[in-house]
Amino acid sequence: MSFKLTNPPAGDRSRELWLQHAAGFIIFEDMRNYAVKQIPADTDAKTRGQILNGIDDAIYGLMMIMDGVVGVLENDEYKVSFESNILLERNGEVIQKINTFHGDGMCMGFHDWRDGDFGEDSIYTIVP
């Protein structure tokens, strides 16, 4: 299955939420679904459930890093951390950038995204 991005909504707040939902979609479509496809078809239901829980826990851990909740290593002088941005480009030019530290929270969207809910404004169409 292939997906095509829809155009973003016009309102600033709607577009901001749409952009964060689009990032959530990418994580769940490209990361989670990839991991789920690696589970052998003959895996029993109980083990499959445990593997799915592990996949979801790893994704949630990544989202905590993206939100700045965890993911810092430091000493008295130096600090190492991650910073992630969600970019919206139009014709190759960045027109909006959301630093996930300052977004609504990747962790906040986790459960809805896992259930396939990516907000009120459609972020993609399915390409046949």
Protein backbone atom coordinates (compact mmCIF):
# COMPACT_ATOMS: atom_id res chain seq x y z
CA MET A 1 0.00 0.00 0.00
CA SER A 2 1.25 3.45 -0.83
CA PHE A 3 0.27 6.79 0.67
CA LYS A 4 0.17 10.32 -0.72
CA LEU A 5 0.26 13.37 1.53
CA THR A 6 -2.80 15.61 1.44
CA ASN A 7 -2.43 19.37 1.46
CA PRO A 8 -2.25 20.89 4.94
CA PRO A 9 -5.24 22.72 6.39
CA ALA A 10 -5.26 26.52 6.19
CA GLY A 11 -5.54 27.52 9.85
CA ASP A 12 -2.29 27.85 11.81
CA ARG A 13 -3.39 25.65 14.74
CA SER A 14 -5.03 23.08 12.48
CA ARG A 15 -1.88 22.88 10.36
CA GLU A 16 0.31 22.54 13.45
CA LEU A 17 -1.76 19.60 14.72
CA TRP A 18 -1.93 18.09 11.20
CA LEU A 19 1.86 18.25 10.94
CA GLN A 20 2.33 16.49 14.28
CA HIS A 21 -0.21 13.83 13.30
CA ALA A 22 1.66 13.35 10.01
CA ALA A 23 4.87 12.74 11.98
CA GLY A 24 3.02 10.21 14.13
CA PHE A 25 1.75 8.50 11.00
CA ILE A 26 5.28 8.21 9.63
CA ILE A 27 6.52 6.66 12.88
CA PHE A 28 3.70 4.14 13.03
CA GLU A 29 3.62 3.33 9.33
CA ASP A 30 7.36 3.15 8.71
CA MET A 31 8.73 2.08 12.11
CA ARG A 32 5.99 0.11 13.88
CA ASN A 33 4.63 -1.63 10.81
CA TYR A 34 8.16 -2.56 9.73
CA ALA A 35 8.80 -4.14 13.13
CA VAL A 36 5.44 -5.94 13.15
CA LYS A 37 6.18 -7.43 9.71
CA GLN A 38 9.34 -9.00 11.17
CA ILE A 39 7.31 -11.20 13.52
CA PRO A 40 7.28 -14.73 12.08
CA ALA A 41 3.84 -15.78 10.81
CA ASP A 42 3.87 -18.93 12.95
CA THR A 43 4.35 -17.04 16.22
CA ASP A 44 1.72 -18.04 18.80
CA ALA A 45 -0.77 -15.42 19.95
CA LYS A 46 0.70 -14.97 23.45
CA THR A 47 4.23 -14.46 22.15
CA ARG A 48 2.98 -12.18 19.37
CA GLY A 49 1.22 -10.04 21.98
CA GLN A 50 4.41 -9.79 24.03
CA ILE A 51 6.40 -8.82 20.95
CA LEU A 52 3.83 -6.15 20.03
CA ASN A 53 4.03 -4.75 23.58
CA GLY A 54 7.82 -4.59 23.24
CA ILE A 55 7.56 -2.77 19.91
CA ASP A 56 5.11 -0.27 21.39
CA ASP A 57 7.30 0.25 24.46
CA ALA A 58 10.30 0.99 22.21
CA ILE A 59 8.29 3.50 20.17
CA TYR A 60 7.02 5.17 23.33
CA GLY A 61 10.60 5.38 24.61
CA LEU A 62 11.62 7.09 21.36
CA MET A 63 8.73 9.52 21.75
CA MET A 64 9.83 10.36 25.30
CA ILE A 65 13.24 11.28 23.86
CA MET A 66 11.55 13.34 21.12
CA ASP A 67 9.54 15.18 23.80
CA GLY A 68 12.64 15.87 25.91
CA VAL A 69 11.31 13.87 28.87
CA VAL A 70 14.40 11.63 28.86
CA GLY A 71 17.48 11.33 26.69
CA VAL A 72 20.14 13.54 28.22
CA LEU A 73 23.65 12.48 29.13
CA GLU A 74 25.72 15.12 30.87
CA ASN A 75 28.56 15.94 33.21
CA ASP A 76 29.57 19.20 34.90
CA GLU A 77 30.79 20.68 31.63
CA TYR A 78 29.12 18.89 28.70
CA LYS A 79 25.70 17.68 27.70
CA VAL A 80 24.52 15.41 24.89
CA SER A 81 20.87 15.33 23.88
CA PHE A 82 18.66 14.80 20.86
CA GLU A 83 16.55 17.43 19.21
CA SER A 84 14.01 16.50 16.58
CA ASN A 85 12.06 18.66 14.21
CA ILE A 86 9.04 18.00 12.07
CA LEU A 87 9.42 19.82 8.75
CA LEU A 88 6.76 20.85 6.27
CA GLU A 89 8.21 21.64 2.87
CA ARG A 90 6.61 23.15 -0.19
CA ASN A 91 8.46 22.76 -3.47
CA GLY A 92 11.67 21.94 -1.58
CA GLU A 93 11.48 24.95 0.78
CA VAL A 94 10.82 24.52 4.52
CA ILE A 95 7.69 26.52 5.28
CA GLN A 96 7.07 25.27 8.82
CA LYS A 97 9.19 23.59 11.46
CA ILE A 98 8.05 22.21 14.80
CA ASN A 99 10.65 21.24 17.36
CA THR A 100 9.09 18.24 19.10
CA PHE A 101 10.26 19.65 22.46
CA HIS A 102 7.78 22.48 21.90
CA GLY A 103 4.95 20.57 20.21
CA ASP A 104 1.86 19.10 21.82
CA GLY A 105 3.84 16.03 22.79
CA MET A 106 4.58 12.94 20.77
CA CYS A 107 3.71 10.82 23.80
CA MET A 108 0.26 12.46 23.90
CA GLY A 109 -0.55 11.12 20.43
CA PHE A 110 0.82 7.62 20.95
CA HIS A 111 -2.38 5.73 21.86
CA ASP A 112 -4.54 7.37 19.20
CA TRP A 113 -1.86 6.86 16.54
CA ARG A 114 -1.46 3.21 17.52
CA ASP A 115 -5.20 2.86 16.98
CA GLY A 116 -5.00 4.53 13.55
CA ASP A 117 -6.42 7.92 14.60
CA PHE A 118 -4.35 10.70 13.05
CA GLY A 119 -6.56 13.68 13.79
CA GLU A 120 -9.55 15.45 12.26
CA ASP A 121 -7.83 16.64 9.10
CA SER A 122 -6.82 13.86 6.73
CA ILE A 123 -3.06 13.64 6.27
CA TYR A 124 -2.95 11.11 3.44
CA THR A 125 -4.79 9.38 0.66
CA ILE A 126 -4.19 5.81 -0.41
CA VAL A 127 -2.58 5.45 -3.81
CA PRO A 128 -3.79 2.37 -5.71
